[in-house]
Amino acid sequence: MVVSRMGMVALAWTGLALGCGRPVELPGPDGGSKVPKDGGMDAGVDAGTDAGSMPEACAAPGAVCDGRTGLCSTLPACSSAKPCTDLTGRTVTTAFTAPRCRTLAPGRPSFNDSPPRTWSDSVTGEDRAACVFRPPGAGLRPLVLYFHGWSGTADVIYNSTLLRQKAATFPMNGDGGVNGFVLASDQGRNLLMPVGEVASQTGGGTAHDAYFRSTGALSTNPDFRNADRLIDELVAAGGIDPGRIYVMGWSNGAFFAQLYAFSRHVIATPGGNRVAAAAVYSGGDPFAGIGVDDGTRCAFKSVPMLQLPVFFVHRDCDSATCDEAQRVALGRPVSNNATAWMARLTGELGDGDVTHVMLDAAAQPRTSCAPTSSCTSDLAGSNHLNWPDGVGDGSGRDWEPAMLEFLRARHL
């Protein structure tokens, strides 16, 4: 197992540009408003850099992305006018598909939490939903918010993980309180997939938008906005310890979970809630560019020092890729390089509480990435699609307890 730990964070995430003593005020994507008045990551542009001189700064007409927010606006939704083809080859013509919130996969524990919790986006009016489980009984419990992968659904917690089973009884309260945790699995939108630095014309599927990095307290990213709302409403309903709000994610959900948690660890939701820690599987650098080559225009130009506790798991051969050799061989985006991201997070970005776990196909800990000669596309894809609960990969080695125990030990 590879474990990375650094010292205490030297600089808090304040929304200031690094090396500068005052907030950066920049033209917004609409060319008129200023971002981020809410103190989000959008402010973290290199000190002394003029926004208008940036390649395709979002204030410029026709801009696609810049170094402040990545894409200049959220990814477009699938529709009958612009249908998407998801990773399974299915044609998607609607912006949203509600989850079923129950077990459908054979060999998995049977649960039924239907119907899903539903609501409408307060800005766009779009449908949103999540699968939510609350253990019975009084007392405060942690909240775990889960984000699925691309072309996945909120149902993944039932059909591809053992989290729903553990939510009923797992001892998540570090102070010896009631067992179990509230589990909420958010359903992504049906989105056109980014290819290079622009939206694809056909590829897409269910996802959370980790490419439009509007991360302030009043985010204009619909997925940020609705994750905020889900957390705030669940906490307001009672039974949740606001000091123990955690996020988990897989693949696209791992990218989004990290981006969301890095921001919401410091910048509270509109309801005043913050994320205590994150545990993710098979993701990468949420601040990197989007392109397969260098993707520099969409990369975040100046990432603040980070202080979020992160448990990061991936395979030694993975389609999210373990290292640069695998990334190049498999033709993956620049953000897909797990070991480089871990080195950056614990080094350049100064995160002092990171646990990095690398596993082989049989869920055995490894200390180095598999060579490209043995890391075939089929093996990388199979590893990527097997959440590390010991069931999908047939290993019987369940890493969920380690992920949950890491979260349990961190609270605000």
Protein backbone atom coordinates (compact mmCIF):
# COMPACT_ATOMS: atom_id res chain seq x y z
CA MET A 1 0.00 0.00 0.00
CA VAL A 2 1.20 3.48 -0.85
CA VAL A 3 0.46 5.92 1.97
CA SER A 4 1.26 9.62 1.65
CA ARG A 5 1.18 11.98 4.59
CA MET A 6 2.50 15.52 4.80
CA GLY A 7 2.83 18.13 7.52
CA MET A 8 0.26 20.70 8.55
CA VAL A 9 -1.17 22.91 5.84
CA ALA A 10 0.84 26.12 5.71
CA LEU A 11 -1.76 28.34 4.07
CA ALA A 12 -5.50 28.17 4.53
CA TRP A 13 -7.82 28.33 1.57
CA THR A 14 -9.09 31.89 1.84
CA GLY A 15 -10.13 32.70 -1.72
CA LEU A 16 -7.04 34.90 -2.13
CA ALA A 17 -4.59 34.51 -4.98
CA LEU A 18 -1.41 32.86 -3.77
CA GLY A 19 1.31 35.37 -3.06
CA CYS A 20 -1.16 38.25 -2.98
CA GLY A 21 -2.60 40.00 0.04
CA ARG A 22 -6.00 40.93 -1.37
CA PRO A 23 -8.87 39.14 -3.11
CA VAL A 24 -8.64 38.97 -6.89
CA GLU A 25 -11.59 40.57 -8.70
CA LEU A 26 -12.03 39.29 -12.23
CA PRO A 27 -14.57 39.63 -15.03
CA GLY A 28 -17.17 36.88 -14.85
CA PRO A 29 -18.14 34.48 -17.65
CA ASP A 30 -20.97 36.81 -18.64
CA GLY A 31 -18.45 39.59 -19.26
CA GLY A 32 -20.00 41.87 -16.68
CA SER A 33 -20.40 40.31 -13.27
CA LYS A 34 -17.41 39.82 -11.03
CA VAL A 35 -16.40 36.41 -9.75
CA PRO A 36 -16.09 35.23 -7.13
CA LYS A 37 -17.76 37.63 -4.71
CA ASP A 38 -18.43 34.52 -2.66
CA GLY A 39 -14.74 33.71 -2.19
CA GLY A 40 -14.66 30.50 -4.21
CA MET A 41 -11.74 28.84 -5.96
CA ASP A 42 -12.45 31.04 -8.97
CA ALA A 43 -10.42 33.75 -7.22
CA GLY A 44 -7.27 31.66 -7.24
CA VAL A 45 -5.64 33.07 -10.38
CA ASP A 46 -1.93 33.72 -10.38
CA ALA A 47 -1.15 37.06 -8.82
CA GLY A 48 -0.40 39.70 -11.41
CA THR A 49 -2.09 37.83 -14.26
CA ASP A 50 -4.57 39.90 -16.20
CA ALA A 51 -7.72 37.89 -16.88
CA GLY A 52 -8.16 39.42 -20.29
CA SER A 53 -4.73 38.20 -21.40
CA MET A 54 -5.49 34.58 -20.55
CA PRO A 55 -6.07 32.27 -23.53
CA GLU A 56 -9.83 32.23 -24.12
CA ALA A 57 -10.66 33.93 -20.81
CA CYS A 58 -14.36 33.41 -20.21
CA ALA A 59 -15.02 37.15 -20.45
CA ALA A 60 -14.10 37.00 -24.15
CA PRO A 61 -16.84 36.37 -26.75
CA GLY A 62 -16.98 32.73 -27.82
CA ALA A 63 -14.63 31.55 -25.07
CA VAL A 64 -14.70 27.84 -24.24
CA CYS A 65 -12.69 27.76 -21.01
CA ASP A 66 -10.10 29.58 -18.94
CA GLY A 67 -7.86 29.16 -15.92
CA ARG A 68 -10.46 30.26 -13.39
CA THR A 69 -13.52 28.10 -13.92
CA GLY A 70 -12.34 25.50 -16.47
CA LEU A 71 -15.29 25.42 -18.87
CA CYS A 72 -17.05 28.77 -19.08
CA SER A 73 -20.46 27.24 -18.41
CA THR A 74 -21.94 23.92 -17.40
CA LEU A 75 -21.93 21.02 -19.84
CA PRO A 76 -25.01 20.92 -22.12
CA ALA A 77 -27.69 18.36 -21.35
CA CYS A 78 -28.77 15.56 -23.66
CA SER A 79 -32.03 16.24 -25.50
CA SER A 80 -34.12 15.06 -28.44
CA ALA A 81 -32.46 17.79 -30.49
CA LYS A 82 -28.99 16.76 -29.29
CA PRO A 83 -29.16 13.09 -28.29
CA CYS A 84 -26.23 11.48 -26.47
CA THR A 85 -24.77 8.02 -26.77
CA ASP A 86 -23.65 6.84 -23.34
CA LEU A 87 -20.82 4.43 -22.51
CA THR A 88 -23.15 1.45 -22.85
CA GLY A 89 -24.20 2.47 -26.38
CA ARG A 90 -27.65 3.60 -25.23
CA THR A 91 -29.15 6.69 -26.88
CA VAL A 92 -30.20 9.33 -24.32
CA THR A 93 -32.67 12.06 -25.33
CA THR A 94 -33.64 13.55 -21.96
CA ALA A 95 -31.79 15.77 -19.50
CA PHE A 96 -32.56 13.59 -16.50
CA THR A 97 -33.40 10.01 -15.61
CA ALA A 98 -34.71 9.24 -12.12
CA PRO A 99 -33.04 6.40 -10.18
CA ARG A 100 -34.97 3.39 -8.87
CA CYS A 101 -33.29 3.32 -5.45
CA ARG A 102 -33.36 -0.43 -5.02
CA THR A 103 -31.22 -3.51 -5.65
CA LEU A 104 -31.43 -5.00 -9.15
CA ALA A 105 -28.10 -6.82 -9.47
CA PRO A 106 -27.99 -10.55 -8.66
CA GLY A 107 -25.77 -11.57 -5.78
CA ARG A 108 -26.11 -8.25 -3.98
CA PRO A 109 -27.94 -7.66 -0.67
CA SER A 110 -31.57 -6.76 -1.37
CA PHE A 111 -32.73 -3.26 -0.42
CA ASN A 112 -35.56 -1.03 -1.56
CA ASP A 113 -35.44 2.66 -0.65
CA SER A 114 -37.81 3.77 -3.39
CA PRO A 115 -39.24 6.17 -4.25
CA PRO A 116 -36.26 8.50 -4.70
CA ARG A 117 -36.15 11.88 -3.02
CA THR A 118 -37.04 14.37 -5.78
CA TRP A 119 -36.97 18.12 -6.23
CA SER A 120 -36.60 20.78 -8.93
CA ASP A 121 -33.49 22.88 -9.48
CA SER A 122 -34.19 26.30 -7.98
CA VAL A 123 -32.66 28.09 -10.98
CA THR A 124 -33.32 25.94 -14.03
CA GLY A 125 -36.38 24.03 -12.88
CA GLU A 126 -34.74 20.76 -13.99
CA ASP A 127 -35.67 17.54 -12.22
CA ARG A 128 -33.24 16.24 -9.60
CA ALA A 129 -33.27 13.15 -7.40
CA ALA A 130 -31.29 11.13 -4.88
CA CYS A 131 -31.57 7.77 -3.16
CA VAL A 132 -31.62 8.34 0.59
CA PHE A 133 -31.45 5.90 3.49
CA ARG A 134 -31.80 6.92 7.14
CA PRO A 135 -31.22 4.25 9.80
CA PRO A 136 -34.12 3.99 12.23
CA GLY A 137 -33.78 5.25 15.77
CA ALA A 138 -32.94 8.48 17.53
CA GLY A 139 -29.54 10.13 17.75
CA LEU A 140 -27.18 12.05 15.51
CA ARG A 141 -25.45 10.16 12.71
CA PRO A 142 -22.90 11.09 10.02
CA LEU A 143 -24.03 11.86 6.49
CA VAL A 144 -22.26 10.23 3.52
CA LEU A 145 -23.04 11.80 0.14
CA TYR A 146 -22.15 9.55 -2.81
CA PHE A 147 -21.48 10.52 -6.46
CA HIS A 148 -21.65 7.82 -9.15
CA GLY A 149 -19.48 7.48 -12.26
CA TRP A 150 -20.13 8.45 -15.89
CA SER A 151 -23.14 6.57 -17.33
CA GLY A 152 -23.87 5.29 -13.84
CA THR A 153 -26.83 6.06 -11.59
CA ALA A 154 -27.54 6.70 -7.94
CA ASP A 155 -28.56 3.02 -7.79
CA VAL A 156 -24.86 2.08 -7.77
CA ILE A 157 -24.86 2.04 -3.96
CA TYR A 158 -27.18 -0.98 -4.13
CA ASN A 159 -25.89 -2.78 -7.22
CA SER A 160 -22.12 -2.26 -7.17
CA THR A 161 -21.12 -1.45 -3.59
CA LEU A 162 -21.86 -2.67 -0.06
CA LEU A 163 -22.37 0.84 1.31
CA ARG A 164 -26.13 0.53 1.65
CA GLN A 165 -25.64 -2.60 3.78
CA LYS A 166 -23.07 -0.88 5.98
CA ALA A 167 -25.18 2.28 6.37
CA ALA A 168 -27.55 0.45 8.71
CA THR A 169 -25.05 -0.60 11.36
CA PHE A 170 -21.46 0.52 10.65
CA PRO A 171 -19.96 2.31 13.69
CA MET A 172 -19.32 5.68 12.05
CA ASN A 173 -19.53 7.79 15.22
CA GLY A 174 -16.04 8.14 16.61
CA ASP A 175 -17.44 9.26 19.98
CA GLY A 176 -19.29 6.00 20.57
CA GLY A 177 -22.70 7.33 19.55
CA VAL A 178 -25.40 5.47 17.64
CA ASN A 179 -24.27 3.18 14.82
CA GLY A 180 -25.04 3.59 11.14
CA PHE A 181 -24.97 6.62 8.86
CA VAL A 182 -27.35 8.51 6.60
CA LEU A 183 -26.50 7.58 3.01
CA ALA A 184 -27.52 9.83 0.11
CA SER A 185 -26.62 8.87 -3.46
CA ASP A 186 -27.09 11.80 -5.83
CA GLN A 187 -28.35 11.20 -9.37
CA GLY A 188 -26.33 13.03 -12.04
CA ARG A 189 -27.73 14.77 -15.11
CA ASN A 190 -27.57 13.40 -18.66
CA LEU A 191 -24.73 15.46 -20.11
CA LEU A 192 -22.75 15.71 -23.32
CA MET A 193 -19.25 14.43 -22.64
CA PRO A 194 -16.29 16.81 -23.03
CA VAL A 195 -13.78 15.68 -25.65
CA GLY A 196 -10.58 17.67 -25.65
CA GLU A 197 -11.69 21.10 -24.47
CA VAL A 198 -15.17 21.26 -25.99
CA ALA A 199 -18.38 19.33 -25.50
CA SER A 200 -18.79 16.22 -27.60
CA GLN A 201 -21.44 16.26 -30.28
CA THR A 202 -22.74 12.80 -29.41
CA GLY A 203 -20.95 11.11 -26.49
CA GLY A 204 -22.45 11.56 -23.06
CA GLY A 205 -24.45 10.06 -20.24
CA THR A 206 -25.27 10.54 -16.58
CA ALA A 207 -22.57 12.49 -14.76
CA HIS A 208 -21.76 15.32 -12.40
CA ASP A 209 -20.08 18.32 -14.01
CA ALA A 210 -16.52 18.50 -12.68
CA TYR A 211 -15.38 20.66 -15.62
CA PHE A 212 -17.25 23.90 -14.85
CA ARG A 213 -15.51 24.81 -11.60
CA SER A 214 -17.84 27.40 -10.13
CA THR A 215 -17.14 26.53 -6.52
CA GLY A 216 -18.20 29.52 -4.44
CA ALA A 217 -20.96 29.62 -1.86
CA LEU A 218 -23.47 30.64 -4.55
CA SER A 219 -22.21 28.29 -7.26
CA THR A 220 -23.64 28.52 -10.78
CA ASN A 221 -22.72 24.87 -11.44
CA PRO A 222 -26.07 23.04 -11.17
CA ASP A 223 -24.46 19.97 -9.63
CA PHE A 224 -22.73 22.02 -6.92
CA ARG A 225 -25.95 23.93 -6.29
CA ASN A 226 -28.05 20.80 -5.91
CA ALA A 227 -25.49 18.95 -3.78
CA ASP A 228 -25.58 21.98 -1.48
CA ARG A 229 -29.36 21.83 -1.38
CA LEU A 230 -29.45 18.10 -0.68
CA ILE A 231 -27.03 18.41 2.22
CA ASP A 232 -28.78 21.45 3.69
CA GLU A 233 -32.23 19.87 3.52
CA LEU A 234 -31.09 16.56 5.01
CA VAL A 235 -29.30 18.31 7.87
CA ALA A 236 -32.27 20.62 8.49
CA ALA A 237 -34.54 17.58 8.79
CA GLY A 238 -32.56 16.48 11.85
CA GLY A 239 -30.70 13.35 12.89
CA ILE A 240 -27.39 14.32 11.22
CA ASP A 241 -24.22 15.45 12.95
CA PRO A 242 -23.16 18.56 10.97
CA GLY A 243 -19.55 17.97 11.99
CA ARG A 244 -19.55 14.59 10.21
CA ILE A 245 -20.59 15.29 6.63
CA TYR A 246 -18.55 13.21 4.17
CA VAL A 247 -18.44 12.63 0.42
CA MET A 248 -17.54 9.55 -1.59
CA GLY A 249 -17.32 9.01 -5.34
CA TRP A 250 -16.27 6.69 -8.15
CA SER A 251 -14.70 7.64 -11.50
CA ASN A 252 -16.42 10.85 -12.69
CA GLY A 253 -17.95 10.91 -9.22
CA ALA A 254 -14.46 10.76 -7.69
CA PHE A 255 -13.42 13.85 -9.65
CA PHE A 256 -16.58 15.71 -8.70
CA ALA A 257 -16.51 14.55 -5.06
CA GLN A 258 -12.98 15.87 -4.65
CA LEU A 259 -13.72 19.19 -6.34
CA TYR A 260 -16.86 19.63 -4.25
CA ALA A 261 -15.23 18.59 -0.99
CA PHE A 262 -12.09 20.72 -1.45
CA SER A 263 -14.37 23.75 -1.75
CA ARG A 264 -17.02 22.83 0.81
CA HIS A 265 -14.43 21.92 3.43
CA VAL A 266 -13.69 25.64 3.66
CA ILE A 267 -16.62 27.44 2.02
CA ALA A 268 -19.91 26.48 3.63
CA THR A 269 -23.08 25.65 1.74
CA PRO A 270 -25.84 28.30 1.79
CA GLY A 271 -27.20 26.45 4.84
CA GLY A 272 -23.87 26.76 6.66
CA ASN A 273 -22.68 23.15 6.30
CA ARG A 274 -19.17 22.00 5.47
CA VAL A 275 -17.61 18.70 4.35
CA ALA A 276 -15.27 17.04 6.83
CA ALA A 277 -13.47 14.54 4.54
CA ALA A 278 -13.64 12.57 1.29
CA ALA A 279 -13.01 8.96 0.22
CA VAL A 280 -12.92 8.20 -3.50
CA TYR A 281 -12.13 5.43 -5.97
CA SER A 282 -10.50 5.55 -9.41
CA GLY A 283 -10.36 9.29 -10.00
CA GLY A 284 -7.64 11.83 -10.70
CA ASP A 285 -6.75 15.52 -10.62
CA PRO A 286 -9.95 17.65 -10.58
CA PHE A 287 -7.95 20.81 -11.33
CA ALA A 288 -6.14 19.56 -14.45
CA GLY A 289 -6.95 20.35 -18.06
CA ILE A 290 -9.56 18.43 -19.99
CA GLY A 291 -7.71 17.56 -23.19
CA VAL A 292 -6.01 14.28 -24.08
CA ASP A 293 -2.78 16.10 -24.96
CA ASP A 294 -1.95 18.97 -22.62
CA GLY A 295 -5.36 20.55 -21.98
CA THR A 296 -3.66 23.60 -20.49
CA ARG A 297 -6.35 26.16 -21.31
CA CYS A 298 -8.88 24.46 -19.05
CA ALA A 299 -6.46 23.73 -16.20
CA PHE A 300 -6.89 25.66 -12.98
CA LYS A 301 -4.13 28.26 -13.06
CA SER A 302 -3.49 28.70 -9.34
CA VAL A 303 -4.88 26.10 -6.96
CA PRO A 304 -4.96 27.26 -3.31
CA MET A 305 -3.21 25.17 -0.69
CA LEU A 306 -5.54 22.34 0.30
CA GLN A 307 -6.38 20.94 3.73
CA LEU A 308 -9.06 18.32 3.12
CA PRO A 309 -8.60 14.78 4.52
CA VAL A 310 -8.67 12.46 1.46
CA PHE A 311 -8.65 8.66 1.19
CA PHE A 312 -7.78 7.91 -2.45
CA VAL A 313 -7.99 4.38 -3.87
CA HIS A 314 -7.16 3.19 -7.39
CA ARG A 315 -5.86 0.11 -9.22
CA ASP A 316 -2.31 -0.43 -10.42
CA CYS A 317 -3.84 -0.88 -13.90
CA ASP A 318 -6.86 1.37 -14.32
CA SER A 319 -8.67 3.13 -17.15
CA ALA A 320 -8.44 6.27 -15.00
CA THR A 321 -4.72 5.36 -15.29
CA CYS A 322 -2.14 4.83 -12.62
CA ASP A 323 0.74 6.79 -14.16
CA GLU A 324 1.80 8.74 -17.25
CA ALA A 325 2.87 5.65 -19.19
CA GLN A 326 -0.59 4.12 -18.81
CA ARG A 327 -2.29 7.44 -19.60
CA VAL A 328 -0.43 7.80 -22.88
CA ALA A 329 -0.86 4.15 -23.83
CA LEU A 330 -4.60 4.20 -23.13
CA GLY A 331 -5.15 7.67 -24.63
CA ARG A 332 -6.71 9.15 -21.51
CA PRO A 333 -7.08 12.87 -20.54
CA VAL A 334 -4.27 14.62 -18.70
CA SER A 335 -6.29 14.58 -15.49
CA ASN A 336 -6.16 10.76 -15.46
CA ASN A 337 -2.87 10.04 -13.69
CA ALA A 338 -3.43 8.87 -10.12
CA THR A 339 0.15 8.81 -8.88
CA ALA A 340 0.92 12.23 -10.34
CA TRP A 341 -2.21 13.62 -8.68
CA MET A 342 -1.23 12.15 -5.32
CA ALA A 343 2.26 13.62 -5.64
CA ARG A 344 0.81 17.01 -6.52
CA LEU A 345 -1.80 16.94 -3.77
CA THR A 346 0.64 16.05 -1.00
CA GLY A 347 3.52 18.11 -2.41
CA GLU A 348 2.73 21.28 -4.35
CA LEU A 349 -0.74 21.68 -2.81
CA GLY A 350 0.36 20.83 0.72
CA ASP A 351 -2.48 18.55 1.81
CA GLY A 352 -1.31 17.05 5.08
CA ASP A 353 -3.91 14.31 5.53
CA VAL A 354 -3.94 12.01 2.49
CA THR A 355 -4.06 8.22 2.43
CA HIS A 356 -3.17 6.78 -0.99
CA VAL A 357 -4.02 3.12 -1.61
CA MET A 358 -3.01 1.31 -4.81
CA LEU A 359 -4.55 -2.11 -5.46
CA ASP A 360 -4.07 -4.81 -8.07
CA ALA A 361 -6.94 -6.66 -9.76
CA ALA A 362 -7.25 -8.97 -6.74
CA ALA A 363 -7.44 -5.99 -4.34
CA GLN A 364 -3.95 -6.68 -2.96
CA PRO A 365 -1.95 -3.56 -2.03
CA ARG A 366 0.77 -2.59 -4.50
CA THR A 367 3.53 0.02 -4.40
CA SER A 368 4.03 0.61 -8.13
CA CYS A 369 1.89 0.85 -11.24
CA ALA A 370 1.62 -2.10 -13.61
CA PRO A 371 3.76 -1.81 -16.77
CA THR A 372 1.95 -1.00 -20.00
CA SER A 373 2.96 -4.40 -21.37
CA SER A 374 0.58 -6.07 -18.91
CA CYS A 375 -1.94 -3.26 -18.42
CA THR A 376 -4.24 -3.91 -21.37
CA SER A 377 -7.28 -1.82 -22.17
CA ASP A 378 -9.54 -4.70 -21.13
CA LEU A 379 -7.83 -5.17 -17.77
CA ALA A 380 -7.77 -1.43 -17.09
CA GLY A 381 -11.47 -1.19 -17.87
CA SER A 382 -12.38 -4.20 -15.76
CA ASN A 383 -10.42 -2.89 -12.78
CA HIS A 384 -11.98 0.54 -13.14
CA LEU A 385 -15.49 -0.91 -13.13
CA ASN A 386 -14.97 -2.95 -9.95
CA TRP A 387 -15.54 -0.89 -6.81
CA PRO A 388 -13.19 -2.22 -4.10
CA ASP A 389 -15.74 -4.07 -1.93
CA GLY A 390 -14.39 -7.52 -2.79
CA VAL A 391 -17.53 -8.54 -4.67
CA GLY A 392 -17.17 -7.17 -8.19
CA ASP A 393 -13.52 -8.25 -8.49
CA GLY A 394 -14.21 -11.60 -6.78
CA SER A 395 -11.34 -11.07 -4.34
CA GLY A 396 -13.35 -11.11 -1.13
CA ARG A 397 -11.16 -8.20 0.08
CA ASP A 398 -13.44 -5.37 1.13
CA TRP A 399 -11.78 -1.94 1.35
CA GLU A 400 -14.96 -0.08 2.30
CA PRO A 401 -14.28 -0.47 6.07
CA ALA A 402 -10.90 1.24 5.65
CA MET A 403 -12.54 4.07 3.69
CA LEU A 404 -15.29 4.52 6.27
CA GLU A 405 -12.89 4.27 9.21
CA PHE A 406 -10.77 7.02 7.65
CA LEU A 407 -13.85 9.23 7.42
CA ARG A 408 -14.95 8.36 10.95
CA ALA A 409 -11.65 9.60 12.38
CA ARG A 410 -12.08 13.03 10.74
CA HIS A 411 -14.69 15.52 11.85
CA LEU A 412 -15.08 19.28 12.06
